Amino acid sequence: MNMKKKAETSILIVDDNIGQCKTMSFILKRNGYAVTTADNGSEALAIVEKSPFDLIFMDIKMPLMNGVEAYKQIKNIRPEARVIMMTAYAVEDLVEEAINNNAYTCLYKPLDMSEVLDLTSEILEKKQTGKEKKNG
């Protein structure tokens, strides 16, 4: 995928850990993607209502509204949204709920940023070619 295509690719990162948001945002931007961040589910919903994203990274464990609840509401607004859940906790019930609601996959923190970049590229290429296969 060339840099022009990447720059047209919009990614939303939702995580209450500001350091995590900044790190992911920095690395994805350095790799040519357009990145927006939100630090909670409510903020993410407001952002998603205004514009679609090619890919959303959603933390599962956040205050006020957990990532699975935010994800379900985002799917109502943007059914085409591709969402990758993230967690640093053993929240298998929430991971399972997200996957059962067609989340693309779940990554465990601390994140391997090369894995994040590979997965981002893989999902976007599948989206482009129409050969997307859900859940891995």
N, C-alpha and C. Protein backbone atom coordinates (compact mmCIF):
# COMPACT_ATOMS: atom_id res chain seq x y z
N MET A 1 0.86 -1.17 0.00
CA MET A 1 0.00 0.00 0.00
C MET A 1 0.90 1.23 0.00
N ASN A 2 0.68 2.13 -0.96
CA ASN A 2 1.56 3.30 -1.04
C ASN A 2 1.18 4.36 -0.01
N MET A 3 2.06 5.35 0.17
CA MET A 3 1.86 6.37 1.20
C MET A 3 0.59 7.19 0.96
N LYS A 4 0.25 7.45 -0.31
CA LYS A 4 -0.95 8.23 -0.60
C LYS A 4 -2.18 7.47 -0.13
N LYS A 5 -2.23 6.19 -0.43
CA LYS A 5 -3.36 5.35 0.02
C LYS A 5 -3.41 5.31 1.54
N LYS A 6 -2.25 5.18 2.18
CA LYS A 6 -2.21 5.14 3.64
C LYS A 6 -2.71 6.45 4.23
N ALA A 7 -2.31 7.59 3.66
CA ALA A 7 -2.72 8.88 4.17
C ALA A 7 -4.23 9.07 4.07
N GLU A 8 -4.85 8.36 3.13
CA GLU A 8 -6.30 8.43 2.98
C GLU A 8 -6.98 7.43 3.92
N THR A 9 -6.19 6.63 4.62
CA THR A 9 -6.71 5.64 5.54
C THR A 9 -6.85 6.25 6.92
N SER A 10 -8.08 6.26 7.44
CA SER A 10 -8.31 6.88 8.74
C SER A 10 -8.45 5.82 9.83
N ILE A 11 -7.72 6.03 10.90
CA ILE A 11 -7.70 5.10 12.03
C ILE A 11 -8.07 5.85 13.30
N LEU A 12 -8.96 5.26 14.10
CA LEU A 12 -9.32 5.81 15.39
C LEU A 12 -8.77 4.91 16.49
N ILE A 13 -8.10 5.51 17.45
CA ILE A 13 -7.58 4.77 18.61
C ILE A 13 -8.36 5.24 19.83
N VAL A 14 -9.00 4.30 20.54
CA VAL A 14 -9.78 4.63 21.73
C VAL A 14 -9.16 3.92 22.93
N ASP A 15 -8.58 4.69 23.84
CA ASP A 15 -7.92 4.11 25.01
C ASP A 15 -7.83 5.18 26.09
N ASP A 16 -8.19 4.83 27.32
CA ASP A 16 -8.09 5.78 28.43
C ASP A 16 -6.66 5.96 28.90
N ASN A 17 -5.75 5.12 28.41
CA ASN A 17 -4.33 5.26 28.71
C ASN A 17 -3.73 6.21 27.67
N ILE A 18 -3.53 7.46 28.07
CA ILE A 18 -3.08 8.49 27.14
C ILE A 18 -1.73 8.13 26.52
N GLY A 19 -0.84 7.54 27.31
CA GLY A 19 0.47 7.11 26.80
C GLY A 19 0.33 6.10 25.68
N GLN A 20 -0.58 5.13 25.87
CA GLN A 20 -0.84 4.11 24.84
C GLN A 20 -1.35 4.78 23.56
N CYS A 21 -2.29 5.71 23.71
CA CYS A 21 -2.83 6.44 22.55
C CYS A 21 -1.73 7.17 21.80
N LYS A 22 -0.91 7.88 22.56
CA LYS A 22 0.16 8.68 21.94
C LYS A 22 1.16 7.79 21.21
N THR A 23 1.55 6.69 21.84
CA THR A 23 2.52 5.78 21.22
C THR A 23 1.97 5.18 19.93
N MET A 24 0.76 4.64 20.00
CA MET A 24 0.16 4.04 18.80
C MET A 24 -0.04 5.08 17.71
N SER A 25 -0.54 6.25 18.09
CA SER A 25 -0.79 7.32 17.14
C SER A 25 0.52 7.72 16.44
N PHE A 26 1.58 7.91 17.22
CA PHE A 26 2.88 8.31 16.68
C PHE A 26 3.37 7.28 15.67
N ILE A 27 3.32 6.01 16.03
CA ILE A 27 3.84 4.96 15.15
C ILE A 27 2.98 4.82 13.89
N LEU A 28 1.67 4.84 14.04
CA LEU A 28 0.80 4.74 12.86
C LEU A 28 0.96 5.95 11.94
N LYS A 29 1.07 7.15 12.53
CA LYS A 29 1.29 8.36 11.71
C LYS A 29 2.63 8.28 10.98
N ARG A 30 3.67 7.80 11.68
CA ARG A 30 4.99 7.65 11.06
C ARG A 30 4.94 6.68 9.89
N ASN A 31 3.97 5.77 9.93
CA ASN A 31 3.80 4.81 8.85
C ASN A 31 2.79 5.28 7.81
N GLY A 32 2.40 6.55 7.90
CA GLY A 32 1.62 7.17 6.85
C GLY A 32 0.11 7.18 7.01
N TYR A 33 -0.41 6.72 8.15
CA TYR A 33 -1.86 6.69 8.35
C TYR A 33 -2.36 7.98 8.99
N ALA A 34 -3.62 8.33 8.69
CA ALA A 34 -4.28 9.47 9.34
C ALA A 34 -4.91 8.93 10.63
N VAL A 35 -4.52 9.49 11.78
CA VAL A 35 -4.93 8.94 13.07
C VAL A 35 -5.67 9.98 13.92
N THR A 36 -6.76 9.52 14.54
CA THR A 36 -7.52 10.31 15.51
C THR A 36 -7.54 9.50 16.80
N THR A 37 -7.55 10.18 17.95
CA THR A 37 -7.61 9.44 19.21
C THR A 37 -8.79 9.92 20.06
N ALA A 38 -9.27 9.03 20.90
CA ALA A 38 -10.31 9.34 21.87
C ALA A 38 -9.92 8.64 23.16
N ASP A 39 -10.21 9.25 24.32
CA ASP A 39 -9.79 8.60 25.56
C ASP A 39 -10.95 7.95 26.32
N ASN A 40 -12.12 7.88 25.68
CA ASN A 40 -13.23 7.12 26.28
C ASN A 40 -14.27 6.77 25.22
N GLY A 41 -15.18 5.87 25.59
CA GLY A 41 -16.19 5.38 24.65
C GLY A 41 -17.14 6.46 24.18
N SER A 42 -17.55 7.36 25.07
CA SER A 42 -18.48 8.43 24.69
C SER A 42 -17.86 9.37 23.65
N GLU A 43 -16.60 9.71 23.88
CA GLU A 43 -15.88 10.57 22.93
C GLU A 43 -15.76 9.87 21.58
N ALA A 44 -15.46 8.58 21.61
CA ALA A 44 -15.35 7.80 20.38
C ALA A 44 -16.66 7.81 19.60
N LEU A 45 -17.78 7.63 20.30
CA LEU A 45 -19.09 7.64 19.64
C LEU A 45 -19.35 8.98 18.96
N ALA A 46 -19.04 10.07 19.63
CA ALA A 46 -19.24 11.40 19.06
C ALA A 46 -18.39 11.58 17.80
N ILE A 47 -17.16 11.09 17.83
CA ILE A 47 -16.25 11.20 16.68
C ILE A 47 -16.77 10.34 15.52
N VAL A 48 -17.18 9.11 15.81
CA VAL A 48 -17.64 8.18 14.78
C VAL A 48 -18.94 8.66 14.14
N GLU A 49 -19.78 9.35 14.90
CA GLU A 49 -21.02 9.90 14.32
C GLU A 49 -20.70 10.93 13.24
N LYS A 50 -19.60 11.66 13.41
CA LYS A 50 -19.23 12.71 12.45
C LYS A 50 -18.54 12.16 11.21
N SER A 51 -17.74 11.11 11.37
CA SER A 51 -17.04 10.59 10.20
C SER A 51 -16.67 9.13 10.36
N PRO A 52 -16.63 8.40 9.23
CA PRO A 52 -16.27 6.98 9.29
C PRO A 52 -14.76 6.80 9.41
N PHE A 53 -14.37 5.63 9.89
CA PHE A 53 -12.95 5.29 9.99
C PHE A 53 -12.75 3.95 9.30
N ASP A 54 -11.57 3.78 8.69
CA ASP A 54 -11.26 2.51 8.05
C ASP A 54 -10.98 1.43 9.08
N LEU A 55 -10.49 1.86 10.24
CA LEU A 55 -10.10 0.90 11.27
C LEU A 55 -10.18 1.59 12.64
N ILE A 56 -10.67 0.84 13.63
CA ILE A 56 -10.76 1.38 14.99
C ILE A 56 -10.08 0.40 15.95
N PHE A 57 -9.15 0.92 16.75
CA PHE A 57 -8.54 0.15 17.83
C PHE A 57 -9.25 0.57 19.11
N MET A 58 -9.89 -0.37 19.80
CA MET A 58 -10.74 -0.06 20.94
C MET A 58 -10.26 -0.81 22.19
N ASP A 59 -9.88 -0.04 23.22
CA ASP A 59 -9.53 -0.65 24.50
C ASP A 59 -10.80 -1.22 25.12
N ILE A 60 -10.71 -2.37 25.75
CA ILE A 60 -11.89 -2.99 26.35
C ILE A 60 -12.20 -2.37 27.71
N LYS A 61 -11.18 -2.21 28.54
CA LYS A 61 -11.43 -1.77 29.92
C LYS A 61 -11.20 -0.27 30.06
N MET A 62 -12.31 0.48 30.07
CA MET A 62 -12.27 1.93 30.23
C MET A 62 -13.34 2.34 31.24
N PRO A 63 -13.14 3.46 31.93
CA PRO A 63 -14.18 3.92 32.85
C PRO A 63 -15.42 4.41 32.10
N LEU A 64 -16.52 4.49 32.78
CA LEU A 64 -17.81 4.97 32.28
C LEU A 64 -18.48 3.98 31.32
N MET A 65 -17.85 3.73 30.19
CA MET A 65 -18.41 2.79 29.21
C MET A 65 -17.28 1.88 28.74
N ASN A 66 -17.43 0.55 28.92
CA ASN A 66 -16.34 -0.31 28.47
C ASN A 66 -16.31 -0.36 26.94
N GLY A 67 -15.20 -0.85 26.41
CA GLY A 67 -14.99 -0.86 24.98
C GLY A 67 -15.98 -1.71 24.21
N VAL A 68 -16.49 -2.78 24.82
CA VAL A 68 -17.46 -3.64 24.13
C VAL A 68 -18.78 -2.89 23.96
N GLU A 69 -19.21 -2.16 24.99
CA GLU A 69 -20.43 -1.36 24.87
C GLU A 69 -20.27 -0.29 23.80
N ALA A 70 -19.12 0.40 23.83
CA ALA A 70 -18.84 1.43 22.83
C ALA A 70 -18.83 0.81 21.43
N TYR A 71 -18.19 -0.35 21.31
CA TYR A 71 -18.12 -1.05 20.03
C TYR A 71 -19.51 -1.37 19.49
N LYS A 72 -20.39 -1.89 20.34
CA LYS A 72 -21.75 -2.24 19.90
C LYS A 72 -22.49 -1.00 19.40
N GLN A 73 -22.31 0.11 20.09
CA GLN A 73 -22.97 1.35 19.66
C GLN A 73 -22.36 1.87 18.36
N ILE A 74 -21.06 1.74 18.21
CA ILE A 74 -20.40 2.15 16.97
C ILE A 74 -20.92 1.31 15.81
N LYS A 75 -21.11 0.00 16.02
CA LYS A 75 -21.63 -0.88 14.95
C LYS A 75 -23.04 -0.45 14.51
N ASN A 76 -23.82 0.13 15.43
CA ASN A 76 -25.14 0.65 15.05
C ASN A 76 -25.02 1.89 14.17
N ILE A 77 -24.00 2.71 14.45
CA ILE A 77 -23.78 3.93 13.67
C ILE A 77 -23.08 3.61 12.35
N ARG A 78 -22.05 2.77 12.42
CA ARG A 78 -21.21 2.42 11.26
C ARG A 78 -21.09 0.90 11.18
N PRO A 79 -22.09 0.22 10.61
CA PRO A 79 -22.05 -1.25 10.56
C PRO A 79 -20.82 -1.80 9.84
N GLU A 80 -20.24 -1.01 8.95
CA GLU A 80 -19.07 -1.46 8.18
C GLU A 80 -17.77 -1.32 8.96
N ALA A 81 -17.81 -0.74 10.15
CA ALA A 81 -16.59 -0.48 10.93
C ALA A 81 -15.82 -1.76 11.22
N ARG A 82 -14.51 -1.69 11.02
CA ARG A 82 -13.62 -2.79 11.37
C ARG A 82 -12.96 -2.41 12.68
N VAL A 83 -13.19 -3.22 13.71
CA VAL A 83 -12.73 -2.87 15.04
C VAL A 83 -11.84 -3.96 15.61
N ILE A 84 -10.69 -3.54 16.12
CA ILE A 84 -9.76 -4.44 16.80
C ILE A 84 -9.81 -4.06 18.28
N MET A 85 -10.18 -5.01 19.11
CA MET A 85 -10.23 -4.77 20.54
C MET A 85 -8.82 -4.92 21.13
N MET A 86 -8.55 -4.20 22.24
CA MET A 86 -7.26 -4.29 22.92
C MET A 86 -7.52 -4.41 24.42
N THR A 87 -6.68 -5.18 25.10
CA THR A 87 -6.81 -5.27 26.55
C THR A 87 -5.49 -5.65 27.21
N ALA A 88 -5.33 -5.18 28.44
CA ALA A 88 -4.18 -5.58 29.25
C ALA A 88 -4.66 -6.48 30.38
N TYR A 89 -5.94 -6.77 30.40
CA TYR A 89 -6.53 -7.51 31.52
C TYR A 89 -7.09 -8.85 31.08
N ALA A 90 -7.34 -9.71 32.04
CA ALA A 90 -7.98 -11.00 31.76
C ALA A 90 -9.49 -10.77 31.80
N VAL A 91 -10.02 -10.33 30.69
CA VAL A 91 -11.46 -10.05 30.59
C VAL A 91 -12.05 -10.91 29.48
N GLU A 92 -11.82 -12.21 29.60
CA GLU A 92 -12.20 -13.12 28.52
C GLU A 92 -13.70 -13.06 28.17
N ASP A 93 -14.55 -12.80 29.18
CA ASP A 93 -15.98 -12.69 28.88
C ASP A 93 -16.25 -11.52 27.94
N LEU A 94 -15.57 -10.40 28.17
CA LEU A 94 -15.74 -9.24 27.29
C LEU A 94 -15.10 -9.46 25.93
N VAL A 95 -13.95 -10.11 25.91
CA VAL A 95 -13.30 -10.44 24.63
C VAL A 95 -14.24 -11.32 23.81
N GLU A 96 -14.78 -12.34 24.45
CA GLU A 96 -15.69 -13.26 23.76
C GLU A 96 -16.93 -12.53 23.25
N GLU A 97 -17.47 -11.64 24.07
CA GLU A 97 -18.65 -10.87 23.66
C GLU A 97 -18.34 -10.02 22.43
N ALA A 98 -17.16 -9.38 22.43
CA ALA A 98 -16.77 -8.54 21.29
C ALA A 98 -16.60 -9.38 20.03
N ILE A 99 -15.92 -10.51 20.13
CA ILE A 99 -15.70 -11.38 18.98
C ILE A 99 -17.05 -11.92 18.47
N ASN A 100 -17.94 -12.28 19.39
CA ASN A 100 -19.28 -12.76 19.00
C ASN A 100 -20.09 -11.68 18.30
N ASN A 101 -19.73 -10.42 18.53
CA ASN A 101 -20.39 -9.30 17.86
C ASN A 101 -19.58 -8.81 16.66
N ASN A 102 -18.72 -9.69 16.14
CA ASN A 102 -17.94 -9.46 14.92
C ASN A 102 -16.79 -8.47 15.03
N ALA A 103 -16.23 -8.29 16.23
CA ALA A 103 -14.98 -7.54 16.32
C ALA A 103 -13.95 -8.34 15.51
N TYR A 104 -13.02 -7.68 14.88
CA TYR A 104 -12.08 -8.37 14.00
C TYR A 104 -11.19 -9.34 14.78
N THR A 105 -10.63 -8.86 15.88
CA THR A 105 -9.78 -9.68 16.73
C THR A 105 -9.54 -8.92 18.02
N CYS A 106 -8.76 -9.50 18.93
CA CYS A 106 -8.38 -8.81 20.16
C CYS A 106 -6.87 -8.94 20.34
N LEU A 107 -6.23 -7.82 20.59
CA LEU A 107 -4.80 -7.80 20.85
C LEU A 107 -4.58 -7.60 22.35
N TYR A 108 -3.54 -8.22 22.86
CA TYR A 108 -3.24 -8.12 24.28
C TYR A 108 -2.05 -7.19 24.51
N LYS A 109 -2.19 -6.31 25.50
CA LYS A 109 -1.13 -5.37 25.84
C LYS A 109 -0.14 -6.04 26.77
N PRO A 110 1.13 -5.64 26.74
CA PRO A 110 1.64 -4.56 25.90
C PRO A 110 1.65 -4.97 24.43
N LEU A 111 1.24 -4.03 23.59
CA LEU A 111 1.11 -4.33 22.16
C LEU A 111 2.47 -4.44 21.49
N ASP A 112 2.54 -5.35 20.55
CA ASP A 112 3.70 -5.48 19.67
C ASP A 112 3.37 -4.61 18.46
N MET A 113 4.03 -3.44 18.36
CA MET A 113 3.64 -2.50 17.31
C MET A 113 3.88 -3.03 15.90
N SER A 114 4.83 -3.94 15.72
CA SER A 114 4.99 -4.51 14.38
C SER A 114 3.79 -5.39 14.05
N GLU A 115 3.24 -6.07 15.07
CA GLU A 115 2.02 -6.86 14.87
C GLU A 115 0.84 -5.93 14.54
N VAL A 116 0.75 -4.79 15.24
CA VAL A 116 -0.31 -3.81 14.97
C VAL A 116 -0.22 -3.34 13.52
N LEU A 117 0.98 -3.00 13.08
CA LEU A 117 1.16 -2.52 11.70
C LEU A 117 0.83 -3.60 10.68
N ASP A 118 1.27 -4.83 10.93
CA ASP A 118 0.97 -5.94 10.02
C ASP A 118 -0.53 -6.18 9.92
N LEU A 119 -1.18 -6.19 11.07
CA LEU A 119 -2.62 -6.43 11.12
C LEU A 119 -3.38 -5.29 10.43
N THR A 120 -2.96 -4.06 10.66
CA THR A 120 -3.58 -2.90 10.02
C THR A 120 -3.49 -3.03 8.51
N SER A 121 -2.30 -3.32 8.03
CA SER A 121 -2.07 -3.48 6.60
C SER A 121 -2.91 -4.62 6.03
N GLU A 122 -2.93 -5.74 6.73
CA GLU A 122 -3.69 -6.92 6.29
C GLU A 122 -5.19 -6.60 6.16
N ILE A 123 -5.76 -5.97 7.18
CA ILE A 123 -7.19 -5.65 7.17
C ILE A 123 -7.52 -4.68 6.05
N LEU A 124 -6.69 -3.66 5.88
CA LEU A 124 -6.97 -2.65 4.86
C LEU A 124 -6.82 -3.22 3.45
N GLU A 125 -5.86 -4.12 3.26
CA GLU A 125 -5.72 -4.76 1.95
C GLU A 125 -6.91 -5.66 1.65
N LYS A 126 -7.38 -6.40 2.66
CA LYS A 126 -8.55 -7.26 2.47
C LYS A 126 -9.78 -6.42 2.16
N LYS A 127 -9.89 -5.27 2.82
CA LYS A 127 -11.01 -4.37 2.59
C LYS A 127 -10.97 -3.87 1.14
N GLN A 128 -9.78 -3.51 0.69
CA GLN A 128 -9.61 -3.00 -0.68
C GLN A 128 -9.96 -4.04 -1.72
N THR A 129 -9.53 -5.27 -1.49
CA THR A 129 -9.74 -6.32 -2.49
C THR A 129 -11.07 -7.04 -2.31
N GLY A 130 -11.77 -6.72 -1.20
CA GLY A 130 -13.06 -7.35 -0.95
C GLY A 130 -12.95 -8.79 -0.50
N LYS A 131 -11.75 -9.20 -0.03
CA LYS A 131 -11.53 -10.59 0.37
C LYS A 131 -11.44 -10.72 1.88
N GLU A 132 -12.23 -9.93 2.55
CA GLU A 132 -12.15 -9.93 4.02
C GLU A 132 -12.78 -11.17 4.61
N LYS A 133 -12.07 -11.72 5.58
CA LYS A 133 -12.57 -12.88 6.32
C LYS A 133 -12.61 -12.46 7.79
N LYS A 134 -13.78 -12.53 8.38
CA LYS A 134 -13.92 -12.08 9.77
C LYS A 134 -13.17 -12.97 10.75
N ASN A 135 -12.78 -12.37 11.87
CA ASN A 135 -12.15 -13.07 13.00
C ASN A 135 -10.90 -13.85 12.63
N GLY A 136 -10.02 -13.16 11.92
CA GLY A 136 -8.71 -13.75 11.68
C GLY A 136 -8.66 -14.31 10.33
